[in-house]
Amino acid sequence: ARNQLESTDATLERIASTCGFGTTDTLIRAFRRK
């Protein structure tokens, strides 16, 4: 997800899906945690 955030303009919804998080909430929680 970090790589996609740095190099693409994909939405958070798309990044959450392609990176296996499923939802943006799960993506956000993982970023806060890590």
PDB file of all heavy atoms in Angstrom:
ATOM      1  N   ALA A   1       0.829  -1.210   0.000  1.00  0.00           N
ATOM      2  CA  ALA A   1       0.000   0.000   0.000  1.00  0.00           C
ATOM      3  C   ALA A   1       0.860   1.255   0.000  1.00  0.00           C
ATOM      4  O   ALA A   1       0.546   2.241  -0.683  1.00  0.00           O
ATOM      5  CB  ALA A   1      -0.929  -0.009   1.216  1.00  0.00           C
ATOM      6  N   ARG A   2       1.947   1.234   0.758  1.00  0.00           N
ATOM      7  CA  ARG A   2       2.861   2.379   0.767  1.00  0.00           C
ATOM      8  C   ARG A   2       3.386   2.652  -0.634  1.00  0.00           C
ATOM      9  O   ARG A   2       3.435   3.807  -1.088  1.00  0.00           O
ATOM     10  CB  ARG A   2       4.038   2.109   1.707  1.00  0.00           C
ATOM     11  CG  ARG A   2       3.703   2.169   3.177  1.00  0.00           C
ATOM     12  CD  ARG A   2       4.823   1.617   4.023  1.00  0.00           C
ATOM     13  NE  ARG A   2       6.070   2.327   3.799  1.00  0.00           N
ATOM     14  CZ  ARG A   2       7.247   1.907   4.226  1.00  0.00           C
ATOM     15  NH1 ARG A   2       7.341   0.767   4.865  1.00  0.00           N
ATOM     16  NH2 ARG A   2       8.328   2.616   4.017  1.00  0.00           N
ATOM     17  N   ASN A   3       3.775   1.605  -1.330  1.00  0.00           N
ATOM     18  CA  ASN A   3       4.296   1.779  -2.695  1.00  0.00           C
ATOM     19  C   ASN A   3       3.242   2.389  -3.613  1.00  0.00           C
ATOM     20  O   ASN A   3       3.553   3.257  -4.437  1.00  0.00           O
ATOM     21  CB  ASN A   3       4.760   0.428  -3.251  1.00  0.00           C
ATOM     22  CG  ASN A   3       6.013  -0.077  -2.564  1.00  0.00           C
ATOM     23  OD1 ASN A   3       6.762   0.692  -1.979  1.00  0.00           O
ATOM     24  ND2 ASN A   3       6.244  -1.380  -2.619  1.00  0.00           N
ATOM     25  N   GLN A   4       2.009   1.942  -3.478  1.00  0.00           N
ATOM     26  CA  GLN A   4       0.950   2.487  -4.327  1.00  0.00           C
ATOM     27  C   GLN A   4       0.644   3.938  -3.962  1.00  0.00           C
ATOM     28  O   GLN A   4       0.380   4.763  -4.838  1.00  0.00           O
ATOM     29  CB  GLN A   4      -0.304   1.626  -4.211  1.00  0.00           C
ATOM     30  CG  GLN A   4      -0.157   0.249  -4.849  1.00  0.00           C
ATOM     31  CD  GLN A   4      -1.491  -0.456  -5.034  1.00  0.00           C
ATOM     32  OE1 GLN A   4      -2.540   0.184  -5.114  1.00  0.00           O
ATOM     33  NE2 GLN A   4      -1.453  -1.775  -5.105  1.00  0.00           N
ATOM     34  N   LEU A   5       0.674   4.251  -2.681  1.00  0.00           N
ATOM     35  CA  LEU A   5       0.434   5.627  -2.261  1.00  0.00           C
ATOM     36  C   LEU A   5       1.509   6.566  -2.781  1.00  0.00           C
ATOM     37  O   LEU A   5       1.241   7.723  -3.113  1.00  0.00           O
ATOM     38  CB  LEU A   5       0.367   5.703  -0.734  1.00  0.00           C
ATOM     39  CG  LEU A   5      -0.881   5.095  -0.086  1.00  0.00           C
ATOM     40  CD1 LEU A   5      -0.667   4.931   1.416  1.00  0.00           C
ATOM     41  CD2 LEU A   5      -2.108   5.962  -0.351  1.00  0.00           C
ATOM     42  N   GLU A   6       2.737   6.069  -2.865  1.00  0.00           N
ATOM     43  CA  GLU A   6       3.856   6.895  -3.330  1.00  0.00           C
ATOM     44  C   GLU A   6       3.852   7.078  -4.841  1.00  0.00           C
ATOM     45  O   GLU A   6       4.239   8.129  -5.352  1.00  0.00           O
ATOM     46  CB  GLU A   6       5.190   6.256  -2.919  1.00  0.00           C
ATOM     47  CG  GLU A   6       5.454   6.230  -1.423  1.00  0.00           C
ATOM     48  CD  GLU A   6       6.700   5.436  -1.079  1.00  0.00           C
ATOM     49  OE1 GLU A   6       7.555   5.286  -1.973  1.00  0.00           O
ATOM     50  OE2 GLU A   6       6.823   4.973   0.060  1.00  0.00           O
ATOM     51  N   SER A   7       3.433   6.061  -5.577  1.00  0.00           N
ATOM     52  CA  SER A   7       3.675   6.064  -7.025  1.00  0.00           C
ATOM     53  C   SER A   7       2.421   6.127  -7.887  1.00  0.00           C
ATOM     54  O   SER A   7       2.525   6.240  -9.104  1.00  0.00           O
ATOM     55  CB  SER A   7       4.474   4.805  -7.407  1.00  0.00           C
ATOM     56  OG  SER A   7       3.763   3.626  -7.060  1.00  0.00           O
ATOM     57  N   THR A   8       1.236   6.020  -7.276  1.00  0.00           N
ATOM     58  CA  THR A   8       0.009   6.092  -8.068  1.00  0.00           C
ATOM     59  C   THR A   8      -0.985   7.051  -7.419  1.00  0.00           C
ATOM     60  O   THR A   8      -0.797   7.483  -6.286  1.00  0.00           O
ATOM     61  CB  THR A   8      -0.674   4.713  -8.201  1.00  0.00           C
ATOM     62  OG1 THR A   8      -1.373   4.408  -6.980  1.00  0.00           O
ATOM     63  CG2 THR A   8       0.342   3.623  -8.498  1.00  0.00           C
ATOM     64  N   ASP A   9      -2.047   7.346  -8.152  1.00  0.00           N
ATOM     65  CA  ASP A   9      -3.140   8.150  -7.630  1.00  0.00           C
ATOM     66  C   ASP A   9      -4.362   7.291  -7.363  1.00  0.00           C
ATOM     67  O   ASP A   9      -5.493   7.784  -7.337  1.00  0.00           O
ATOM     68  CB  ASP A   9      -3.504   9.267  -8.612  1.00  0.00           C
ATOM     69  CG  ASP A   9      -2.673  10.519  -8.368  1.00  0.00           C
ATOM     70  OD1 ASP A   9      -1.983  10.562  -7.344  1.00  0.00           O
ATOM     71  OD2 ASP A   9      -2.735  11.437  -9.199  1.00  0.00           O
ATOM     72  N   ALA A  10      -4.167   5.999  -7.159  1.00  0.00           N
ATOM     73  CA  ALA A  10      -5.286   5.107  -6.860  1.00  0.00           C
ATOM     74  C   ALA A  10      -5.995   5.563  -5.592  1.00  0.00           C
ATOM     75  O   ALA A  10      -5.369   6.047  -4.650  1.00  0.00           O
ATOM     76  CB  ALA A  10      -4.777   3.673  -6.697  1.00  0.00           C
ATOM     77  N   THR A  11      -7.312   5.416  -5.568  1.00  0.00           N
ATOM     78  CA  THR A  11      -8.082   5.789  -4.388  1.00  0.00           C
ATOM     79  C   THR A  11      -7.776   4.830  -3.244  1.00  0.00           C
ATOM     80  O   THR A  11      -7.277   3.715  -3.457  1.00  0.00           O
ATOM     81  CB  THR A  11      -9.584   5.747  -4.681  1.00  0.00           C
ATOM     82  OG1 THR A  11      -9.958   4.384  -4.989  1.00  0.00           O
ATOM     83  CG2 THR A  11      -9.944   6.662  -5.846  1.00  0.00           C
ATOM     84  N   LEU A  12      -8.115   5.253  -2.035  1.00  0.00           N
ATOM     85  CA  LEU A  12      -7.909   4.371  -0.887  1.00  0.00           C
ATOM     86  C   LEU A  12      -8.742   3.101  -1.025  1.00  0.00           C
ATOM     87  O   LEU A  12      -8.307   2.019  -0.596  1.00  0.00           O
ATOM     88  CB  LEU A  12      -8.268   5.099   0.408  1.00  0.00           C
ATOM     89  CG  LEU A  12      -7.390   6.281   0.821  1.00  0.00           C
ATOM     90  CD1 LEU A  12      -7.718   6.696   2.255  1.00  0.00           C
ATOM     91  CD2 LEU A  12      -5.917   5.949   0.699  1.00  0.00           C
ATOM     92  N   GLU A  13      -9.951   3.220  -1.610  1.00  0.00           N
ATOM     93  CA  GLU A  13     -10.797   2.037  -1.797  1.00  0.00           C
ATOM     94  C   GLU A  13     -10.104   1.013  -2.685  1.00  0.00           C
ATOM     95  O   GLU A  13     -10.095  -0.195  -2.392  1.00  0.00           O
ATOM     96  CB  GLU A  13     -12.147   2.437  -2.406  1.00  0.00           C
ATOM     97  CG  GLU A  13     -13.044   3.204  -1.456  1.00  0.00           C
ATOM     98  CD  GLU A  13     -12.764   4.706  -1.451  1.00  0.00           C
ATOM     99  OE1 GLU A  13     -11.765   5.134  -2.069  1.00  0.00           O
ATOM    100  OE2 GLU A  13     -13.538   5.455  -0.818  1.00  0.00           O
ATOM    101  N   ARG A  14      -9.485   1.501  -3.770  1.00  0.00           N
ATOM    102  CA  ARG A  14      -8.817   0.580  -4.695  1.00  0.00           C
ATOM    103  C   ARG A  14      -7.580  -0.028  -4.042  1.00  0.00           C
ATOM    104  O   ARG A  14      -7.297  -1.224  -4.188  1.00  0.00           O
ATOM    105  CB  ARG A  14      -8.430   1.314  -5.976  1.00  0.00           C
ATOM    106  CG  ARG A  14      -7.719   0.419  -6.998  1.00  0.00           C
ATOM    107  CD  ARG A  14      -7.569   1.111  -8.337  1.00  0.00           C
ATOM    108  NE  ARG A  14      -6.836   0.277  -9.278  1.00  0.00           N
ATOM    109  CZ  ARG A  14      -7.348  -0.732  -9.952  1.00  0.00           C
ATOM    110  NH1 ARG A  14      -8.629  -1.064  -9.766  1.00  0.00           N
ATOM    111  NH2 ARG A  14      -6.618  -1.437 -10.790  1.00  0.00           N
ATOM    112  N   ILE A  15      -6.804   0.785  -3.326  1.00  0.00           N
ATOM    113  CA  ILE A  15      -5.607   0.276  -2.661  1.00  0.00           C
ATOM    114  C   ILE A  15      -5.980  -0.758  -1.607  1.00  0.00           C
ATOM    115  O   ILE A  15      -5.340  -1.810  -1.491  1.00  0.00           O
ATOM    116  CB  ILE A  15      -4.811   1.434  -2.028  1.00  0.00           C
ATOM    117  CG1 ILE A  15      -4.209   2.321  -3.133  1.00  0.00           C
ATOM    118  CG2 ILE A  15      -3.702   0.911  -1.115  1.00  0.00           C
ATOM    119  CD1 ILE A  15      -3.547   3.575  -2.610  1.00  0.00           C
ATOM    120  N   ALA A  16      -7.042  -0.470  -0.842  1.00  0.00           N
ATOM    121  CA  ALA A  16      -7.484  -1.425   0.173  1.00  0.00           C
ATOM    122  C   ALA A  16      -7.860  -2.756  -0.461  1.00  0.00           C
ATOM    123  O   ALA A  16      -7.560  -3.833   0.074  1.00  0.00           O
ATOM    124  CB  ALA A  16      -8.667  -0.853   0.951  1.00  0.00           C
ATOM    125  N   SER A  17      -8.494  -2.694  -1.632  1.00  0.00           N
ATOM    126  CA  SER A  17      -8.912  -3.919  -2.317  1.00  0.00           C
ATOM    127  C   SER A  17      -7.730  -4.689  -2.891  1.00  0.00           C
ATOM    128  O   SER A  17      -7.582  -5.890  -2.649  1.00  0.00           O
ATOM    129  CB  SER A  17      -9.895  -3.570  -3.430  1.00  0.00           C
ATOM    130  OG  SER A  17     -10.242  -4.715  -4.176  1.00  0.00           O
ATOM    131  N   THR A  18      -6.855  -3.994  -3.632  1.00  0.00           N
ATOM    132  CA  THR A  18      -5.750  -4.694  -4.299  1.00  0.00           C
ATOM    133  C   THR A  18      -4.688  -5.185  -3.323  1.00  0.00           C
ATOM    134  O   THR A  18      -3.958  -6.127  -3.627  1.00  0.00           O
ATOM    135  CB  THR A  18      -5.082  -3.775  -5.340  1.00  0.00           C
ATOM    136  OG1 THR A  18      -4.588  -2.595  -4.675  1.00  0.00           O
ATOM    137  CG2 THR A  18      -6.056  -3.389  -6.433  1.00  0.00           C
ATOM    138  N   CYS A  19      -4.605  -4.564  -2.147  1.00  0.00           N
ATOM    139  CA  CYS A  19      -3.601  -4.971  -1.167  1.00  0.00           C
ATOM    140  C   CYS A  19      -4.144  -5.943  -0.127  1.00  0.00           C
ATOM    141  O   CYS A  19      -3.424  -6.307   0.816  1.00  0.00           O
ATOM    142  CB  CYS A  19      -3.019  -3.742  -0.467  1.00  0.00           C
ATOM    143  SG  CYS A  19      -2.080  -2.661  -1.565  1.00  0.00           S
ATOM    144  N   GLY A  20      -5.404  -6.360  -0.286  1.00  0.00           N
ATOM    145  CA  GLY A  20      -5.924  -7.397   0.585  1.00  0.00           C
ATOM    146  C   GLY A  20      -6.534  -6.926   1.881  1.00  0.00           C
ATOM    147  O   GLY A  20      -6.886  -7.752   2.733  1.00  0.00           O
ATOM    148  N   PHE A  21      -6.706  -5.611   2.062  1.00  0.00           N
ATOM    149  CA  PHE A  21      -7.305  -5.112   3.295  1.00  0.00           C
ATOM    150  C   PHE A  21      -8.827  -5.216   3.288  1.00  0.00           C
ATOM    151  O   PHE A  21      -9.459  -5.264   4.343  1.00  0.00           O
ATOM    152  CB  PHE A  21      -6.898  -3.656   3.534  1.00  0.00           C
ATOM    153  CG  PHE A  21      -5.453  -3.483   3.866  1.00  0.00           C
ATOM    154  CD1 PHE A  21      -4.568  -2.980   2.916  1.00  0.00           C
ATOM    155  CD2 PHE A  21      -4.967  -3.832   5.108  1.00  0.00           C
ATOM    156  CE1 PHE A  21      -3.233  -2.813   3.217  1.00  0.00           C
ATOM    157  CE2 PHE A  21      -3.628  -3.674   5.420  1.00  0.00           C
ATOM    158  CZ  PHE A  21      -2.754  -3.165   4.469  1.00  0.00           C
ATOM    159  N   GLY A  22      -9.401  -5.216   2.101  1.00  0.00           N
ATOM    160  CA  GLY A  22     -10.843  -5.339   1.995  1.00  0.00           C
ATOM    161  C   GLY A  22     -11.554  -4.008   2.089  1.00  0.00           C
ATOM    162  O   GLY A  22     -12.279  -3.623   1.179  1.00  0.00           O
ATOM    163  N   THR A  23     -11.389  -3.292   3.173  1.00  0.00           N
ATOM    164  CA  THR A  23     -12.063  -2.013   3.368  1.00  0.00           C
ATOM    165  C   THR A  23     -11.042  -0.929   3.701  1.00  0.00           C
ATOM    166  O   THR A  23      -9.942  -1.212   4.192  1.00  0.00           O
ATOM    167  CB  THR A  23     -13.091  -2.092   4.512  1.00  0.00           C
ATOM    168  OG1 THR A  23     -12.396  -2.268   5.757  1.00  0.00           O
ATOM    169  CG2 THR A  23     -14.050  -3.261   4.299  1.00  0.00           C
ATOM    170  N   THR A  24     -11.437   0.320   3.468  1.00  0.00           N
ATOM    171  CA  THR A  24     -10.544   1.434   3.797  1.00  0.00           C
ATOM    172  C   THR A  24     -10.336   1.540   5.305  1.00  0.00           C
ATOM    173  O   THR A  24      -9.262   1.938   5.755  1.00  0.00           O
ATOM    174  CB  THR A  24     -11.103   2.760   3.262  1.00  0.00           C
ATOM    175  OG1 THR A  24     -12.420   2.959   3.780  1.00  0.00           O
ATOM    176  CG2 THR A  24     -11.137   2.761   1.747  1.00  0.00           C
ATOM    177  N   ASP A  25     -11.355   1.190   6.078  1.00  0.00           N
ATOM    178  CA  ASP A  25     -11.196   1.235   7.542  1.00  0.00           C
ATOM    179  C   ASP A  25     -10.092   0.287   7.995  1.00  0.00           C
ATOM    180  O   ASP A  25      -9.280   0.633   8.867  1.00  0.00           O
ATOM    181  CB  ASP A  25     -12.510   0.869   8.234  1.00  0.00           C
ATOM    182  CG  ASP A  25     -13.541   1.995   8.186  1.00  0.00           C
ATOM    183  OD1 ASP A  25     -13.134   3.144   7.905  1.00  0.00           O
ATOM    184  OD2 ASP A  25     -14.730   1.727   8.412  1.00  0.00           O
ATOM    185  N   THR A  26     -10.053  -0.894   7.417  1.00  0.00           N
ATOM    186  CA  THR A  26      -8.995  -1.856   7.767  1.00  0.00           C
ATOM    187  C   THR A  26      -7.630  -1.335   7.340  1.00  0.00           C
ATOM    188  O   THR A  26      -6.640  -1.468   8.068  1.00  0.00           O
ATOM    189  CB  THR A  26      -9.272  -3.217   7.095  1.00  0.00           C
ATOM    190  OG1 THR A  26     -10.576  -3.674   7.469  1.00  0.00           O
ATOM    191  CG2 THR A  26      -8.237  -4.254   7.524  1.00  0.00           C
ATOM    192  N   LEU A  27      -7.570  -0.724   6.157  1.00  0.00           N
ATOM    193  CA  LEU A  27      -6.324  -0.122   5.672  1.00  0.00           C
ATOM    194  C   LEU A  27      -5.841   0.959   6.632  1.00  0.00           C
ATOM    195  O   LEU A  27      -4.657   0.998   7.008  1.00  0.00           O
ATOM    196  CB  LEU A  27      -6.553   0.465   4.277  1.00  0.00           C
ATOM    197  CG  LEU A  27      -5.443   1.363   3.705  1.00  0.00           C
ATOM    198  CD1 LEU A  27      -4.189   0.550   3.426  1.00  0.00           C
ATOM    199  CD2 LEU A  27      -5.938   2.054   2.430  1.00  0.00           C
ATOM    200  N   ILE A  28      -6.743   1.842   7.039  1.00  0.00           N
ATOM    201  CA  ILE A  28      -6.371   2.942   7.920  1.00  0.00           C
ATOM    202  C   ILE A  28      -5.897   2.426   9.272  1.00  0.00           C
ATOM    203  O   ILE A  28      -4.897   2.892   9.819  1.00  0.00           O
ATOM    204  CB  ILE A  28      -7.561   3.915   8.085  1.00  0.00           C
ATOM    205  CG1 ILE A  28      -7.835   4.633   6.762  1.00  0.00           C
ATOM    206  CG2 ILE A  28      -7.284   4.934   9.187  1.00  0.00           C
ATOM    207  CD1 ILE A  28      -9.173   5.329   6.697  1.00  0.00           C
ATOM    208  N   ARG A  29      -6.614   1.438   9.809  1.00  0.00           N
ATOM    209  CA  ARG A  29      -6.209   0.868  11.106  1.00  0.00           C
ATOM    210  C   ARG A  29      -4.832   0.234  11.023  1.00  0.00           C
ATOM    211  O   ARG A  29      -4.016   0.359  11.944  1.00  0.00           O
ATOM    212  CB  ARG A  29      -7.244  -0.151  11.582  1.00  0.00           C
ATOM    213  CG  ARG A  29      -8.531   0.461  12.095  1.00  0.00           C
ATOM    214  CD  ARG A  29      -9.324  -0.547  12.918  1.00  0.00           C
ATOM    215  NE  ARG A  29      -9.706  -1.709  12.123  1.00  0.00           N
ATOM    216  CZ  ARG A  29     -10.831  -1.789  11.433  1.00  0.00           C
ATOM    217  NH1 ARG A  29     -11.693  -0.778  11.444  1.00  0.00           N
ATOM    218  NH2 ARG A  29     -11.123  -2.881  10.740  1.00  0.00           N
ATOM    219  N   ALA A  30      -4.537  -0.441   9.907  1.00  0.00           N
ATOM    220  CA  ALA A  30      -3.226  -1.066   9.738  1.00  0.00           C
ATOM    221  C   ALA A  30      -2.121  -0.013   9.672  1.00  0.00           C
ATOM    222  O   ALA A  30      -1.034  -0.189  10.248  1.00  0.00           O
ATOM    223  CB  ALA A  30      -3.212  -1.924   8.468  1.00  0.00           C
ATOM    224  N   PHE A  31      -2.372   1.098   8.980  1.00  0.00           N
ATOM    225  CA  PHE A  31      -1.377   2.169   8.894  1.00  0.00           C
ATOM    226  C   PHE A  31      -1.144   2.799  10.265  1.00  0.00           C
ATOM    227  O   PHE A  31      -0.009   3.096  10.630  1.00  0.00           O
ATOM    228  CB  PHE A  31      -1.820   3.229   7.878  1.00  0.00           C
ATOM    229  CG  PHE A  31      -1.192   3.052   6.532  1.00  0.00           C
ATOM    230  CD1 PHE A  31      -1.468   1.936   5.764  1.00  0.00           C
ATOM    231  CD2 PHE A  31      -0.295   3.986   6.028  1.00  0.00           C
ATOM    232  CE1 PHE A  31      -0.886   1.750   4.527  1.00  0.00           C
ATOM    233  CE2 PHE A  31       0.304   3.819   4.794  1.00  0.00           C
ATOM    234  CZ  PHE A  31       0.011   2.698   4.036  1.00  0.00           C
ATOM    235  N   ARG A  32      -2.212   2.998  11.011  1.00  0.00           N
ATOM    236  CA  ARG A  32      -2.038   3.578  12.348  1.00  0.00           C
ATOM    237  C   ARG A  32      -1.254   2.619  13.241  1.00  0.00           C
ATOM    238  O   ARG A  32      -0.409   3.042  14.031  1.00  0.00           O
ATOM    239  CB  ARG A  32      -3.400   3.887  12.972  1.00  0.00           C
ATOM    240  CG  ARG A  32      -4.112   5.065  12.330  1.00  0.00           C
ATOM    241  CD  ARG A  32      -5.239   5.552  13.227  1.00  0.00           C
ATOM    242  NE  ARG A  32      -6.001   6.635  12.620  1.00  0.00           N
ATOM    243  CZ  ARG A  32      -5.629   7.902  12.619  1.00  0.00           C
ATOM    244  NH1 ARG A  32      -4.472   8.247  13.160  1.00  0.00           N
ATOM    245  NH2 ARG A  32      -6.393   8.829  12.062  1.00  0.00           N
ATOM    246  N   ARG A  33      -1.538   1.342  13.108  1.00  0.00           N
ATOM    247  CA  ARG A  33      -0.880   0.344  13.941  1.00  0.00           C
ATOM    248  C   ARG A  33       0.591   0.176  13.572  1.00  0.00           C
ATOM    249  O   ARG A  33       1.465   0.106  14.434  1.00  0.00           O
ATOM    250  CB  ARG A  33      -1.628  -0.984  13.827  1.00  0.00           C
ATOM    251  CG  ARG A  33      -1.096  -2.104  14.704  1.00  0.00           C
ATOM    252  CD  ARG A  33      -2.114  -3.239  14.820  1.00  0.00           C
ATOM    253  NE  ARG A  33      -2.646  -3.662  13.542  1.00  0.00           N
ATOM    254  CZ  ARG A  33      -3.922  -3.488  13.169  1.00  0.00           C
ATOM    255  NH1 ARG A  33      -4.776  -2.887  13.967  1.00  0.00           N
ATOM    256  NH2 ARG A  33      -4.344  -3.926  11.993  1.00  0.00           N
ATOM    257  N   LYS A  34       0.874   0.122  12.287  1.00  0.00           N
ATOM    258  CA  LYS A  34       2.240  -0.154  11.829  1.00  0.00           C
ATOM    259  C   LYS A  34       3.093   1.094  11.703  1.00  0.00           C
ATOM    260  O   LYS A  34       4.305   1.059  11.968  1.00  0.00           O
ATOM    261  CB  LYS A  34       2.200  -0.860  10.457  1.00  0.00           C
ATOM    262  CG  LYS A  34       1.654  -2.277  10.484  1.00  0.00           C
ATOM    263  CD  LYS A  34       2.640  -3.229  11.115  1.00  0.00           C
ATOM    264  CE  LYS A  34       2.166  -4.674  10.995  1.00  0.00           C
ATOM    265  NZ  LYS A  34       3.104  -5.615  11.631  1.00  0.00           N
TER     266      LYS A  34
END
